[in-house]
PDB file of N, CA and C in Angstrom:
ATOM      1  N   MET A   1     -78.383-128.062  52.717  1.00  0.00           N
ATOM      2  CA  MET A   1     -78.590-127.246  51.540  1.00  0.00           C
ATOM      3  C   MET A   1     -77.708-125.991  51.574  1.00  0.00           C
ATOM      4  N   ALA A   2     -77.534-125.438  52.796  1.00  0.00           N
ATOM      5  CA  ALA A   2     -76.712-124.235  52.928  1.00  0.00           C
ATOM      6  C   ALA A   2     -75.266-124.534  52.547  1.00  0.00           C
ATOM      7  N   ALA A   3     -74.748-125.669  52.992  1.00  0.00           N
ATOM      8  CA  ALA A   3     -73.360-126.027  52.680  1.00  0.00           C
ATOM      9  C   ALA A   3     -73.172-126.241  51.181  1.00  0.00           C
ATOM     10  N   LEU A   4     -74.146-126.832  50.540  1.00  0.00           N
ATOM     11  CA  LEU A   4     -74.062-127.046  49.095  1.00  0.00           C
ATOM     12  C   LEU A   4     -74.064-125.713  48.352  1.00  0.00           C
ATOM     13  N   THR A   5     -74.910-124.792  48.778  1.00  0.00           N
ATOM     14  CA  THR A   5     -74.948-123.469  48.162  1.00  0.00           C
ATOM     15  C   THR A   5     -73.610-122.758  48.338  1.00  0.00           C
ATOM     16  N   LEU A   6     -73.059-122.824  49.550  1.00  0.00           N
ATOM     17  CA  LEU A   6     -71.755-122.201  49.797  1.00  0.00           C
ATOM     18  C   LEU A   6     -70.676-122.803  48.907  1.00  0.00           C
ATOM     19  N   ALA A   7     -70.642-124.118  48.832  1.00  0.00           N
ATOM     20  CA  ALA A   7     -69.619-124.789  48.028  1.00  0.00           C
ATOM     21  C   ALA A   7     -69.745-124.428  46.549  1.00  0.00           C
ATOM     22  N   CYS A   8     -70.967-124.378  46.057  1.00  0.00           N
ATOM     23  CA  CYS A   8     -71.173-124.077  44.632  1.00  0.00           C
ATOM     24  C   CYS A   8     -70.875-122.617  44.289  1.00  0.00           C
ATOM     25  N   GLU A   9     -71.324-121.713  45.131  1.00  0.00           N
ATOM     26  CA  GLU A   9     -71.181-120.292  44.820  1.00  0.00           C
ATOM     27  C   GLU A   9     -69.777-119.768  45.071  1.00  0.00           C
ATOM     28  N   VAL A  10     -69.087-120.295  46.079  1.00  0.00           N
ATOM     29  CA  VAL A  10     -67.755-119.792  46.407  1.00  0.00           C
ATOM     30  C   VAL A  10     -66.699-120.456  45.543  1.00  0.00           C
ATOM     31  N   GLY A  11     -66.782-121.757  45.401  1.00  0.00           N
ATOM     32  CA  GLY A  11     -65.787-122.473  44.611  1.00  0.00           C
ATOM     33  C   GLY A  11     -64.487-122.620  45.373  1.00  0.00           C
ATOM     34  N   ASP A  12     -63.542-121.739  45.138  1.00  0.00           N
ATOM     35  CA  ASP A  12     -62.230-121.802  45.777  1.00  0.00           C
ATOM     36  C   ASP A  12     -62.146-120.736  46.872  1.00  0.00           C
ATOM     37  N   TRP A  13     -62.060-121.175  48.124  1.00  0.00           N
ATOM     38  CA  TRP A  13     -62.017-120.263  49.267  1.00  0.00           C
ATOM     39  C   TRP A  13     -60.698-119.505  49.341  1.00  0.00           C
ATOM     40  N   ARG A  14     -59.665-119.998  48.673  1.00  0.00           N
ATOM     41  CA  ARG A  14     -58.358-119.356  48.750  1.00  0.00           C
ATOM     42  C   ARG A  14     -58.327-117.995  48.067  1.00  0.00           C
ATOM     43  N   ARG A  15     -59.318-117.673  47.277  1.00  0.00           N
ATOM     44  CA  ARG A  15     -59.320-116.369  46.615  1.00  0.00           C
ATOM     45  C   ARG A  15     -59.752-115.242  47.547  1.00  0.00           C
ATOM     46  N   PHE A  16     -60.140-115.605  48.788  1.00  0.00           N
ATOM     47  CA  PHE A  16     -60.512-114.611  49.789  1.00  0.00           C
ATOM     48  C   PHE A  16     -59.509-114.669  50.942  1.00  0.00           C
ATOM     49  N   PRO A  17     -58.422-113.887  50.875  1.00  0.00           N
ATOM     50  CA  PRO A  17     -57.408-113.964  51.933  1.00  0.00           C
ATOM     51  C   PRO A  17     -57.874-113.408  53.275  1.00  0.00           C
ATOM     52  N   THR A  18     -58.876-112.527  53.282  1.00  0.00           N
ATOM     53  CA  THR A  18     -59.386-111.973  54.542  1.00  0.00           C
ATOM     54  C   THR A  18     -60.896-112.154  54.615  1.00  0.00           C
ATOM     55  N   ALA A  19     -61.407-112.075  55.834  1.00  0.00           N
ATOM     56  CA  ALA A  19     -62.854-112.193  56.036  1.00  0.00           C
ATOM     57  C   ALA A  19     -63.596-111.031  55.383  1.00  0.00           C
ATOM     58  N   GLY A  20     -62.991-109.849  55.420  1.00  0.00           N
ATOM     59  CA  GLY A  20     -63.626-108.680  54.817  1.00  0.00           C
ATOM     60  C   GLY A  20     -63.834-108.826  53.316  1.00  0.00           C
ATOM     61  N   MET A  21     -62.897-109.480  52.657  1.00  0.00           N
ATOM     62  CA  MET A  21     -63.039-109.686  51.214  1.00  0.00           C
ATOM     63  C   MET A  21     -64.202-110.632  50.918  1.00  0.00           C
ATOM     64  N   PHE A  22     -64.369-111.656  51.761  1.00  0.00           N
ATOM     65  CA  PHE A  22     -65.500-112.558  51.563  1.00  0.00           C
ATOM     66  C   PHE A  22     -66.820-111.848  51.847  1.00  0.00           C
ATOM     67  N   MET A  23     -66.847-111.011  52.887  1.00  0.00           N
ATOM     68  CA  MET A  23     -68.056-110.241  53.180  1.00  0.00           C
ATOM     69  C   MET A  23     -68.410-109.324  52.008  1.00  0.00           C
ATOM     70  N   ALA A  24     -67.402-108.723  51.403  1.00  0.00           N
ATOM     71  CA  ALA A  24     -67.652-107.858  50.246  1.00  0.00           C
ATOM     72  C   ALA A  24     -68.175-108.669  49.066  1.00  0.00           C
ATOM     73  N   PHE A  25     -67.672-109.877  48.896  1.00  0.00           N
ATOM     74  CA  PHE A  25     -68.140-110.757  47.824  1.00  0.00           C
ATOM     75  C   PHE A  25     -69.617-111.088  47.995  1.00  0.00           C
ATOM     76  N   THR A  26     -70.055-111.217  49.248  1.00  0.00           N
ATOM     77  CA  THR A  26     -71.465-111.523  49.498  1.00  0.00           C
ATOM     78  C   THR A  26     -72.346-110.282  49.441  1.00  0.00           C
ATOM     79  N   GLY A  27     -71.763-109.085  49.503  1.00  0.00           N
ATOM     80  CA  GLY A  27     -72.551-107.859  49.498  1.00  0.00           C
ATOM     81  C   GLY A  27     -73.034-107.488  50.884  1.00  0.00           C
ATOM     82  N   LEU A  28     -72.438-108.049  51.913  1.00  0.00           N
ATOM     83  CA  LEU A  28     -72.844-107.776  53.298  1.00  0.00           C
ATOM     84  C   LEU A  28     -71.914-106.764  53.961  1.00  0.00           C
ATOM     85  N   VAL A  29     -71.529-105.735  53.225  1.00  0.00           N
ATOM     86  CA  VAL A  29     -70.711-104.664  53.773  1.00  0.00           C
ATOM     87  C   VAL A  29     -71.485-103.356  53.650  1.00  0.00           C
ATOM     88  N   PRO A  30     -71.273-102.419  54.576  1.00  0.00           N
ATOM     89  CA  PRO A  30     -72.025-101.166  54.502  1.00  0.00           C
ATOM     90  C   PRO A  30     -71.552-100.290  53.349  1.00  0.00           C
ATOM     91  N   SER A  31     -72.501 -99.570  52.757  1.00  0.00           N
ATOM     92  CA  SER A  31     -72.134 -98.615  51.720  1.00  0.00           C
ATOM     93  C   SER A  31     -71.530 -97.386  52.400  1.00  0.00           C
ATOM     94  N   GLU A  32     -70.752 -96.636  51.655  1.00  0.00           N
ATOM     95  CA  GLU A  32     -70.099 -95.469  52.239  1.00  0.00           C
ATOM     96  C   GLU A  32     -70.044 -94.353  51.219  1.00  0.00           C
ATOM     97  N   ARG A  33     -70.419 -93.164  51.669  1.00  0.00           N
ATOM     98  CA  ARG A  33     -70.298 -91.957  50.860  1.00  0.00           C
ATOM     99  C   ARG A  33     -69.487 -90.968  51.693  1.00  0.00           C
ATOM    100  N   SER A  34     -68.208 -90.870  51.389  1.00  0.00           N
ATOM    101  CA  SER A  34     -67.321 -90.028  52.175  1.00  0.00           C
ATOM    102  C   SER A  34     -66.649 -89.005  51.275  1.00  0.00           C
ATOM    103  N   SER A  35     -66.417 -87.846  51.863  1.00  0.00           N
ATOM    104  CA  SER A  35     -65.726 -86.787  51.147  1.00  0.00           C
ATOM    105  C   SER A  35     -64.993 -85.938  52.177  1.00  0.00           C
ATOM    106  N   GLY A  36     -63.688 -85.924  52.077  1.00  0.00           N
ATOM    107  CA  GLY A  36     -62.898 -85.132  53.014  1.00  0.00           C
ATOM    108  C   GLY A  36     -63.057 -85.637  54.442  1.00  0.00           C
ATOM    109  N   GLU A  37     -63.443 -84.735  55.341  1.00  0.00           N
ATOM    110  CA  GLU A  37     -63.618 -85.084  56.750  1.00  0.00           C
ATOM    111  C   GLU A  37     -64.952 -85.777  57.017  1.00  0.00           C
ATOM    112  N   ARG A  38     -65.893 -85.650  56.105  1.00  0.00           N
ATOM    113  CA  ARG A  38     -67.241 -86.162  56.325  1.00  0.00           C
ATOM    114  C   ARG A  38     -67.324 -87.622  55.911  1.00  0.00           C
ATOM    115  N   GLN A  39     -67.950 -88.436  56.768  1.00  0.00           N
ATOM    116  CA  GLN A  39     -68.167 -89.843  56.462  1.00  0.00           C
ATOM    117  C   GLN A  39     -69.635 -90.171  56.660  1.00  0.00           C
ATOM    118  N   HIS A  40     -70.179 -90.924  55.728  1.00  0.00           N
ATOM    119  CA  HIS A  40     -71.557 -91.379  55.857  1.00  0.00           C
ATOM    120  C   HIS A  40     -71.616 -92.844  55.432  1.00  0.00           C
ATOM    121  N   ARG A  41     -72.028 -93.700  56.354  1.00  0.00           N
ATOM    122  CA  ARG A  41     -72.178 -95.117  56.043  1.00  0.00           C
ATOM    123  C   ARG A  41     -73.661 -95.444  56.010  1.00  0.00           C
ATOM    124  N   GLY A  42     -74.036 -96.204  55.001  1.00  0.00           N
ATOM    125  CA  GLY A  42     -75.431 -96.562  54.827  1.00  0.00           C
ATOM    126  C   GLY A  42     -75.677 -98.042  55.052  1.00  0.00           C
ATOM    127  N   GLY A  43     -76.712 -98.554  54.437  1.00  0.00           N
ATOM    128  CA  GLY A  43     -77.060 -99.968  54.549  1.00  0.00           C
ATOM    129  C   GLY A  43     -76.108-100.832  53.753  1.00  0.00           C
ATOM    130  N   ILE A  44     -76.372-102.135  53.738  1.00  0.00           N
ATOM    131  CA  ILE A  44     -75.486-103.038  53.004  1.00  0.00           C
ATOM    132  C   ILE A  44     -75.583-102.761  51.507  1.00  0.00           C
ATOM    133  N   THR A  45     -74.514-103.092  50.806  1.00  0.00           N
ATOM    134  CA  THR A  45     -74.411-102.694  49.401  1.00  0.00           C
ATOM    135  C   THR A  45     -75.257-103.540  48.453  1.00  0.00           C
ATOM    136  N   HIS A  46     -75.507-104.798  48.776  1.00  0.00           N
ATOM    137  CA  HIS A  46     -76.229-105.726  47.891  1.00  0.00           C
ATOM    138  C   HIS A  46     -75.494-105.915  46.576  1.00  0.00           C
ATOM    139  N   ALA A  47     -74.195-105.604  46.547  1.00  0.00           N
ATOM    140  CA  ALA A  47     -73.441-105.652  45.300  1.00  0.00           C
ATOM    141  C   ALA A  47     -72.812-107.008  45.037  1.00  0.00           C
ATOM    142  N   GLY A  48     -72.960-107.942  45.935  1.00  0.00           N
ATOM    143  CA  GLY A  48     -72.276-109.221  45.791  1.00  0.00           C
ATOM    144  C   GLY A  48     -73.176-110.312  45.244  1.00  0.00           C
ATOM    145  N   ASN A  49     -72.792-111.522  45.547  1.00  0.00           N
ATOM    146  CA  ASN A  49     -73.486-112.716  45.091  1.00  0.00           C
ATOM    147  C   ASN A  49     -74.847-112.847  45.786  1.00  0.00           C
ATOM    148  N   THR A  50     -75.912-112.751  45.032  1.00  0.00           N
ATOM    149  CA  THR A  50     -77.262-112.761  45.597  1.00  0.00           C
ATOM    150  C   THR A  50     -77.619-114.091  46.233  1.00  0.00           C
ATOM    151  N   HIS A  51     -77.286-115.194  45.568  1.00  0.00           N
ATOM    152  CA  HIS A  51     -77.626-116.513  46.114  1.00  0.00           C
ATOM    153  C   HIS A  51     -76.929-116.756  47.448  1.00  0.00           C
ATOM    154  N   LEU A  52     -75.678-116.399  47.499  1.00  0.00           N
ATOM    155  CA  LEU A  52     -74.888-116.597  48.712  1.00  0.00           C
ATOM    156  C   LEU A  52     -75.389-115.708  49.846  1.00  0.00           C
ATOM    157  N   ARG A  53     -75.667-114.444  49.545  1.00  0.00           N
ATOM    158  CA  ARG A  53     -76.177-113.517  50.558  1.00  0.00           C
ATOM    159  C   ARG A  53     -77.522-113.991  51.095  1.00  0.00           C
ATOM    160  N   THR A  54     -78.393-114.444  50.216  1.00  0.00           N
ATOM    161  CA  THR A  54     -79.703-114.942  50.642  1.00  0.00           C
ATOM    162  C   THR A  54     -79.555-116.150  51.547  1.00  0.00           C
ATOM    163  N   GLN A  55     -78.670-117.058  51.213  1.00  0.00           N
ATOM    164  CA  GLN A  55     -78.465-118.248  52.032  1.00  0.00           C
ATOM    165  C   GLN A  55     -77.899-117.882  53.397  1.00  0.00           C
ATOM    166  N   LEU A  56     -76.982-116.929  53.445  1.00  0.00           N
ATOM    167  CA  LEU A  56     -76.416-116.504  54.726  1.00  0.00           C
ATOM    168  C   LEU A  56     -77.469-115.839  55.607  1.00  0.00           C
ATOM    169  N   VAL A  57     -78.328-115.028  55.005  1.00  0.00           N
ATOM    170  CA  VAL A  57     -79.390-114.376  55.778  1.00  0.00           C
ATOM    171  C   VAL A  57     -80.385-115.416  56.289  1.00  0.00           C
ATOM    172  N   GLU A  58     -80.746-116.373  55.464  1.00  0.00           N
ATOM    173  CA  GLU A  58     -81.654-117.430  55.923  1.00  0.00           C
ATOM    174  C   GLU A  58     -81.016-118.261  57.023  1.00  0.00           C
ATOM    175  N   SER A  59     -79.726-118.512  56.920  1.00  0.00           N
ATOM    176  CA  SER A  59     -79.028-119.268  57.965  1.00  0.00           C
ATOM    177  C   SER A  59     -78.934-118.470  59.255  1.00  0.00           C
ATOM    178  N   ALA A  60     -78.849-117.161  59.153  1.00  0.00           N
ATOM    179  CA  ALA A  60     -78.728-116.316  60.345  1.00  0.00           C
ATOM    180  C   ALA A  60     -79.976-116.371  61.221  1.00  0.00           C
ATOM    181  N   TRP A  61     -81.125-116.652  60.639  1.00  0.00           N
ATOM    182  CA  TRP A  61     -82.351-116.751  61.433  1.00  0.00           C
ATOM    183  C   TRP A  61     -82.271-117.888  62.445  1.00  0.00           C
ATOM    184  N   ALA A  62     -81.443-118.882  62.202  1.00  0.00           N
ATOM    185  CA  ALA A  62     -81.325-120.019  63.117  1.00  0.00           C
ATOM    186  C   ALA A  62     -80.683-119.622  64.443  1.00  0.00           C
ATOM    187  N   TYR A  63     -80.009-118.489  64.488  1.00  0.00           N
ATOM    188  CA  TYR A  63     -79.320-118.076  65.703  1.00  0.00           C
ATOM    189  C   TYR A  63     -80.233-117.351  66.689  1.00  0.00           C
ATOM    190  N   ARG A  64     -81.530-117.335  66.425  1.00  0.00           N
ATOM    191  CA  ARG A  64     -82.481-116.796  67.403  1.00  0.00           C
ATOM    192  C   ARG A  64     -82.539-117.681  68.635  1.00  0.00           C
ATOM    193  N   ALA A  65     -82.432-118.983  68.424  1.00  0.00           N
ATOM    194  CA  ALA A  65     -82.547-119.947  69.521  1.00  0.00           C
ATOM    195  C   ALA A  65     -81.240-120.021  70.299  1.00  0.00           C
ATOM    196  N   ARG A  66     -81.321-120.493  71.508  1.00  0.00           N
ATOM    197  CA  ARG A  66     -80.134-120.673  72.345  1.00  0.00           C
ATOM    198  C   ARG A  66     -79.258-121.789  71.771  1.00  0.00           C
ATOM    199  N   PRO A  67     -77.934-121.664  71.933  1.00  0.00           N
ATOM    200  CA  PRO A  67     -77.055-122.713  71.411  1.00  0.00           C
ATOM    201  C   PRO A  67     -77.197-123.998  72.223  1.00  0.00           C
ATOM    202  N   GLN A  68     -77.359-125.092  71.532  1.00  0.00           N
ATOM    203  CA  GLN A  68     -77.456-126.384  72.200  1.00  0.00           C
ATOM    204  C   GLN A  68     -77.050-127.492  71.241  1.00  0.00           C
ATOM    205  N   LEU A  69     -76.609-128.581  71.815  1.00  0.00           N
ATOM    206  CA  LEU A  69     -76.249-129.755  71.031  1.00  0.00           C
ATOM    207  C   LEU A  69     -77.345-130.790  71.208  1.00  0.00           C
ATOM    208  N   GLY A  70     -78.176-130.934  70.204  1.00  0.00           N
ATOM    209  CA  GLY A  70     -79.226-131.933  70.244  1.00  0.00           C
ATOM    210  C   GLY A  70     -78.714-133.282  69.767  1.00  0.00           C
ATOM    211  N   VAL A  71     -79.610-134.245  69.742  1.00  0.00           N
ATOM    212  CA  VAL A  71     -79.249-135.593  69.322  1.00  0.00           C
ATOM    213  C   VAL A  71     -78.815-135.609  67.859  1.00  0.00           C
ATOM    214  N   THR A  72     -79.561-134.914  67.017  1.00  0.00           N
ATOM    215  CA  THR A  72     -79.257-134.908  65.584  1.00  0.00           C
ATOM    216  C   THR A  72     -77.898-134.268  65.309  1.00  0.00           C
ATOM    217  N   LEU A  73     -77.635-133.126  65.941  1.00  0.00           N
ATOM    218  CA  LEU A  73     -76.367-132.440  65.715  1.00  0.00           C
ATOM    219  C   LEU A  73     -75.195-133.249  66.260  1.00  0.00           C
ATOM    220  N   THR A  74     -75.376-133.870  67.406  1.00  0.00           N
ATOM    221  CA  THR A  74     -74.318-134.711  67.970  1.00  0.00           C
ATOM    222  C   THR A  74     -74.008-135.875  67.039  1.00  0.00           C
ATOM    223  N   ARG A  75     -75.034-136.484  66.480  1.00  0.00           N
ATOM    224  CA  ARG A  75     -74.849-137.597  65.546  1.00  0.00           C
ATOM    225  C   ARG A  75     -74.144-137.128  64.273  1.00  0.00           C
ATOM    226  N   ARG A  76     -74.499-135.942  63.800  1.00  0.00           N
ATOM    227  CA  ARG A  76     -73.898-135.406  62.579  1.00  0.00           C
ATOM    228  C   ARG A  76     -72.426-135.066  62.786  1.00  0.00           C
ATOM    229  N   GLN A  77     -72.055-134.689  64.009  1.00  0.00           N
ATOM    230  CA  GLN A  77     -70.670-134.315  64.289  1.00  0.00           C
ATOM    231  C   GLN A  77     -69.781-135.510  64.612  1.00  0.00           C
ATOM    232  N   HIS A  78     -70.356-136.695  64.678  1.00  0.00           N
ATOM    233  CA  HIS A  78     -69.574-137.889  64.972  1.00  0.00           C
ATOM    234  C   HIS A  78     -68.559-138.144  63.853  1.00  0.00           C
ATOM    235  N   GLY A  79     -67.290-138.275  64.213  1.00  0.00           N
ATOM    236  CA  GLY A  79     -66.244-138.519  63.235  1.00  0.00           C
ATOM    237  C   GLY A  79     -65.612-137.265  62.665  1.00  0.00           C
ATOM    238  N   VAL A  80     -66.124-136.094  63.043  1.00  0.00           N
ATOM    239  CA  VAL A  80     -65.561-134.832  62.566  1.00  0.00           C
ATOM    240  C   VAL A  80     -64.385-134.469  63.470  1.00  0.00           C
ATOM    241  N   HIS A  81     -63.370-133.847  62.906  1.00  0.00           N
ATOM    242  CA  HIS A  81     -62.181-133.466  63.665  1.00  0.00           C
ATOM    243  C   HIS A  81     -62.584-132.583  64.856  1.00  0.00           C
ATOM    244  N   PRO A  82     -62.038-132.831  66.050  1.00  0.00           N
ATOM    245  CA  PRO A  82     -62.416-132.074  67.254  1.00  0.00           C
ATOM    246  C   PRO A  82     -62.188-130.567  67.141  1.00  0.00           C
ATOM    247  N   ASP A  83     -61.169-130.137  66.416  1.00  0.00           N
ATOM    248  CA  ASP A  83     -60.936-128.703  66.240  1.00  0.00           C
ATOM    249  C   ASP A  83     -62.074-128.047  65.462  1.00  0.00           C
ATOM    250  N   THR A  84     -62.599-128.755  64.476  1.00  0.00           N
ATOM    251  CA  THR A  84     -63.714-128.234  63.689  1.00  0.00           C
ATOM    252  C   THR A  84     -64.971-128.126  64.545  1.00  0.00           C
ATOM    253  N   VAL A  85     -65.221-129.133  65.351  1.00  0.00           N
ATOM    254  CA  VAL A  85     -66.395-129.111  66.234  1.00  0.00           C
ATOM    255  C   VAL A  85     -66.267-127.974  67.246  1.00  0.00           C
ATOM    256  N   ALA A  86     -65.071-127.787  67.804  1.00  0.00           N
ATOM    257  CA  ALA A  86     -64.859-126.720  68.785  1.00  0.00           C
ATOM    258  C   ALA A  86     -65.058-125.346  68.154  1.00  0.00           C
ATOM    259  N   ARG A  87     -64.542-125.157  66.937  1.00  0.00           N
ATOM    260  CA  ARG A  87     -64.713-123.864  66.259  1.00  0.00           C
ATOM    261  C   ARG A  87     -66.180-123.600  65.938  1.00  0.00           C
ATOM    262  N   SER A  88     -66.896-124.623  65.525  1.00  0.00           N
ATOM    263  CA  SER A  88     -68.316-124.427  65.215  1.00  0.00           C
ATOM    264  C   SER A  88     -69.110-124.095  66.474  1.00  0.00           C
ATOM    265  N   TRP A  89     -68.725-124.682  67.608  1.00  0.00           N
ATOM    266  CA  TRP A  89     -69.427-124.401  68.863  1.00  0.00           C
ATOM    267  C   TRP A  89     -69.163-122.964  69.311  1.00  0.00           C
ATOM    268  N   VAL A  90     -67.917-122.501  69.150  1.00  0.00           N
ATOM    269  CA  VAL A  90     -67.586-121.111  69.476  1.00  0.00           C
ATOM    270  C   VAL A  90     -68.395-120.161  68.597  1.00  0.00           C
ATOM    271  N   ALA A  91     -68.479-120.470  67.311  1.00  0.00           N
ATOM    272  CA  ALA A  91     -69.249-119.630  66.388  1.00  0.00           C
ATOM    273  C   ALA A  91     -70.720-119.614  66.775  1.00  0.00           C
ATOM    274  N   GLN A  92     -71.266-120.765  67.109  1.00  0.00           N
ATOM    275  CA  GLN A  92     -72.680-120.828  67.467  1.00  0.00           C
ATOM    276  C   GLN A  92     -72.959-120.017  68.729  1.00  0.00           C
ATOM    277  N   GLN A  93     -72.119-120.146  69.744  1.00  0.00           N
ATOM    278  CA  GLN A  93     -72.320-119.388  70.977  1.00  0.00           C
ATOM    279  C   GLN A  93     -72.198-117.890  70.729  1.00  0.00           C
ATOM    280  N   ARG A  94     -71.188-117.494  69.961  1.00  0.00           N
ATOM    281  CA  ARG A  94     -70.973-116.077  69.697  1.00  0.00           C
ATOM    282  C   ARG A  94     -72.128-115.472  68.904  1.00  0.00           C
ATOM    283  N   LEU A  95     -72.567-116.165  67.862  1.00  0.00           N
ATOM    284  CA  LEU A  95     -73.639-115.628  67.027  1.00  0.00           C
ATOM    285  C   LEU A  95     -74.975-115.587  67.762  1.00  0.00           C
ATOM    286  N   CYS A  96     -75.252-116.597  68.568  1.00  0.00           N
ATOM    287  CA  CYS A  96     -76.505-116.596  69.345  1.00  0.00           C
ATOM    288  C   CYS A  96     -76.525-115.470  70.367  1.00  0.00           C
ATOM    289  N   SER A  97     -75.411-115.262  71.064  1.00  0.00           N
ATOM    290  CA  SER A  97     -75.377-114.190  72.060  1.00  0.00           C
ATOM    291  C   SER A  97     -75.441-112.817  71.389  1.00  0.00           C
ATOM    292  N   LYS A  98     -74.782-112.676  70.243  1.00  0.00           N
ATOM    293  CA  LYS A  98     -74.841-111.403  69.528  1.00  0.00           C
ATOM    294  C   LYS A  98     -76.250-111.139  69.017  1.00  0.00           C
ATOM    295  N   PHE A  99     -76.933-112.179  68.552  1.00  0.00           N
ATOM    296  CA  PHE A  99     -78.314-112.020  68.093  1.00  0.00           C
ATOM    297  C   PHE A  99     -79.175-111.489  69.242  1.00  0.00           C
ATOM    298  N   ARG A 100     -79.036-112.083  70.426  1.00  0.00           N
ATOM    299  CA  ARG A 100     -79.843-111.650  71.572  1.00  0.00           C
ATOM    300  C   ARG A 100     -79.526-110.210  71.966  1.00  0.00           C
ATOM    301  N   ARG A 101     -78.234-109.843  71.988  1.00  0.00           N
ATOM    302  CA  ARG A 101     -77.856-108.479  72.356  1.00  0.00           C
ATOM    303  C   ARG A 101     -78.404-107.461  71.367  1.00  0.00           C
ATOM    304  N   LEU A 102     -78.239-107.736  70.074  1.00  0.00           N
ATOM    305  CA  LEU A 102     -78.724-106.799  69.063  1.00  0.00           C
ATOM    306  C   LEU A 102     -80.248-106.744  69.035  1.00  0.00           C
ATOM    307  N   ASP A 103     -80.888-107.881  69.227  1.00  0.00           N
ATOM    308  CA  ASP A 103     -82.346-107.924  69.201  1.00  0.00           C
ATOM    309  C   ASP A 103     -82.943-107.103  70.346  1.00  0.00           C
ATOM    310  N   ALA A 104     -82.245-107.045  71.465  1.00  0.00           N
ATOM    311  CA  ALA A 104     -82.721-106.249  72.597  1.00  0.00           C
ATOM    312  C   ALA A 104     -82.589-104.748  72.315  1.00  0.00           C
ATOM    313  N   ARG A 105     -81.620-104.368  71.475  1.00  0.00           N
ATOM    314  CA  ARG A 105     -81.378-102.955  71.190  1.00  0.00           C
ATOM    315  C   ARG A 105     -82.122-102.429  69.975  1.00  0.00           C
ATOM    316  N   LYS A 106     -82.295-103.249  68.964  1.00  0.00           N
ATOM    317  CA  LYS A 106     -82.844-102.791  67.689  1.00  0.00           C
ATOM    318  C   LYS A 106     -84.343-103.056  67.612  1.00  0.00           C
ATOM    319  N   ASN A 107     -85.046-102.180  66.909  1.00  0.00           N
ATOM    320  CA  ASN A 107     -86.481-102.369  66.701  1.00  0.00           C
ATOM    321  C   ASN A 107     -86.766-103.253  65.498  1.00  0.00           C
ATOM    322  N   ASN A 108     -85.898-103.217  64.506  1.00  0.00           N
ATOM    323  CA  ASN A 108     -86.110-103.952  63.270  1.00  0.00           C
ATOM    324  C   ASN A 108     -85.281-105.237  63.296  1.00  0.00           C
ATOM    325  N   ARG A 109     -85.955-106.361  63.340  1.00  0.00           N
ATOM    326  CA  ARG A 109     -85.250-107.638  63.435  1.00  0.00           C
ATOM    327  C   ARG A 109     -84.507-107.975  62.152  1.00  0.00           C
ATOM    328  N   LYS A 110     -84.932-107.431  61.015  1.00  0.00           N
ATOM    329  CA  LYS A 110     -84.223-107.690  59.758  1.00  0.00           C
ATOM    330  C   LYS A 110     -82.815-107.109  59.797  1.00  0.00           C
ATOM    331  N   VAL A 111     -82.644-105.995  60.467  1.00  0.00           N
ATOM    332  CA  VAL A 111     -81.321-105.394  60.626  1.00  0.00           C
ATOM    333  C   VAL A 111     -80.441-106.319  61.464  1.00  0.00           C
ATOM    334  N   VAL A 112     -81.014-106.890  62.505  1.00  0.00           N
ATOM    335  CA  VAL A 112     -80.283-107.815  63.371  1.00  0.00           C
ATOM    336  C   VAL A 112     -79.855-109.044  62.571  1.00  0.00           C
ATOM    337  N   VAL A 113     -80.751-109.603  61.800  1.00  0.00           N
ATOM    338  CA  VAL A 113     -80.439-110.804  61.023  1.00  0.00           C
ATOM    339  C   VAL A 113     -79.358-110.515  59.992  1.00  0.00           C
ATOM    340  N   THR A 114     -79.397-109.350  59.377  1.00  0.00           N
ATOM    341  CA  THR A 114     -78.372-108.991  58.403  1.00  0.00           C
ATOM    342  C   THR A 114     -77.012-108.852  59.077  1.00  0.00           C
ATOM    343  N   ALA A 115     -76.978-108.284  60.269  1.00  0.00           N
ATOM    344  CA  ALA A 115     -75.718-108.168  61.007  1.00  0.00           C
ATOM    345  C   ALA A 115     -75.173-109.546  61.373  1.00  0.00           C
ATOM    346  N   ILE A 116     -76.051-110.450  61.761  1.00  0.00           N
ATOM    347  CA  ILE A 116     -75.622-111.810  62.102  1.00  0.00           C
ATOM    348  C   ILE A 116     -75.134-112.534  60.852  1.00  0.00           C
ATOM    349  N   ALA A 117     -75.790-112.320  59.720  1.00  0.00           N
ATOM    350  CA  ALA A 117     -75.349-112.940  58.460  1.00  0.00           C
ATOM    351  C   ALA A 117     -73.956-112.448  58.084  1.00  0.00           C
ATOM    352  N   ARG A 118     -73.690-111.173  58.315  1.00  0.00           N
ATOM    353  CA  ARG A 118     -72.360-110.618  58.029  1.00  0.00           C
ATOM    354  C   ARG A 118     -71.319-111.247  58.946  1.00  0.00           C
ATOM    355  N   GLU A 119     -71.662-111.395  60.224  1.00  0.00           N
ATOM    356  CA  GLU A 119     -70.748-112.027  61.175  1.00  0.00           C
ATOM    357  C   GLU A 119     -70.508-113.494  60.789  1.00  0.00           C
ATOM    358  N   LEU A 120     -71.551-114.172  60.360  1.00  0.00           N
ATOM    359  CA  LEU A 120     -71.419-115.562  59.920  1.00  0.00           C
ATOM    360  C   LEU A 120     -70.492-115.660  58.714  1.00  0.00           C
ATOM    361  N   ALA A 121     -70.619-114.714  57.796  1.00  0.00           N
ATOM    362  CA  ALA A 121     -69.718-114.692  56.633  1.00  0.00           C
ATOM    363  C   ALA A 121     -68.278-114.511  57.087  1.00  0.00           C
ATOM    364  N   GLY A 122     -68.062-113.704  58.109  1.00  0.00           N
ATOM    365  CA  GLY A 122     -66.715-113.533  58.648  1.00  0.00           C
ATOM    366  C   GLY A 122     -66.173-114.821  59.238  1.00  0.00           C
ATOM    367  N   PHE A 123     -67.022-115.591  59.899  1.00  0.00           N
ATOM    368  CA  PHE A 123     -66.590-116.869  60.460  1.00  0.00           C
ATOM    369  C   PHE A 123     -66.252-117.853  59.362  1.00  0.00           C
ATOM    370  N   LEU A 124     -67.017-117.832  58.288  1.00  0.00           N
ATOM    371  CA  LEU A 124     -66.753-118.773  57.196  1.00  0.00           C
ATOM    372  C   LEU A 124     -65.424-118.500  56.544  1.00  0.00           C
TER     373      LEU A 124
END
């Protein structure tokens, strides 16, 4: 369902030349109020695509668990190009470890999940 939502909401991925532009499209970038030497960054802007942002945040909750290749995932990856499988495994390991590190430091788990959703958007 997540892949279908991504495909429908994004359409053409070529319109996002950088990861930051895609993150901004989803609204997963920090707000900023700066003037002169003073900088103040706030929470995420929520200015982007709501459906896409919601799907990314819901997908980010899956990174609470340790990365592993189960029977179902192995079967689903059968026939997929090895470079794609390797990149997805790197992303899964990175996001899971980042979730654990942030969860140990932060009191609010929603902040952690939002940070992981932003990182996931960067990987996409």
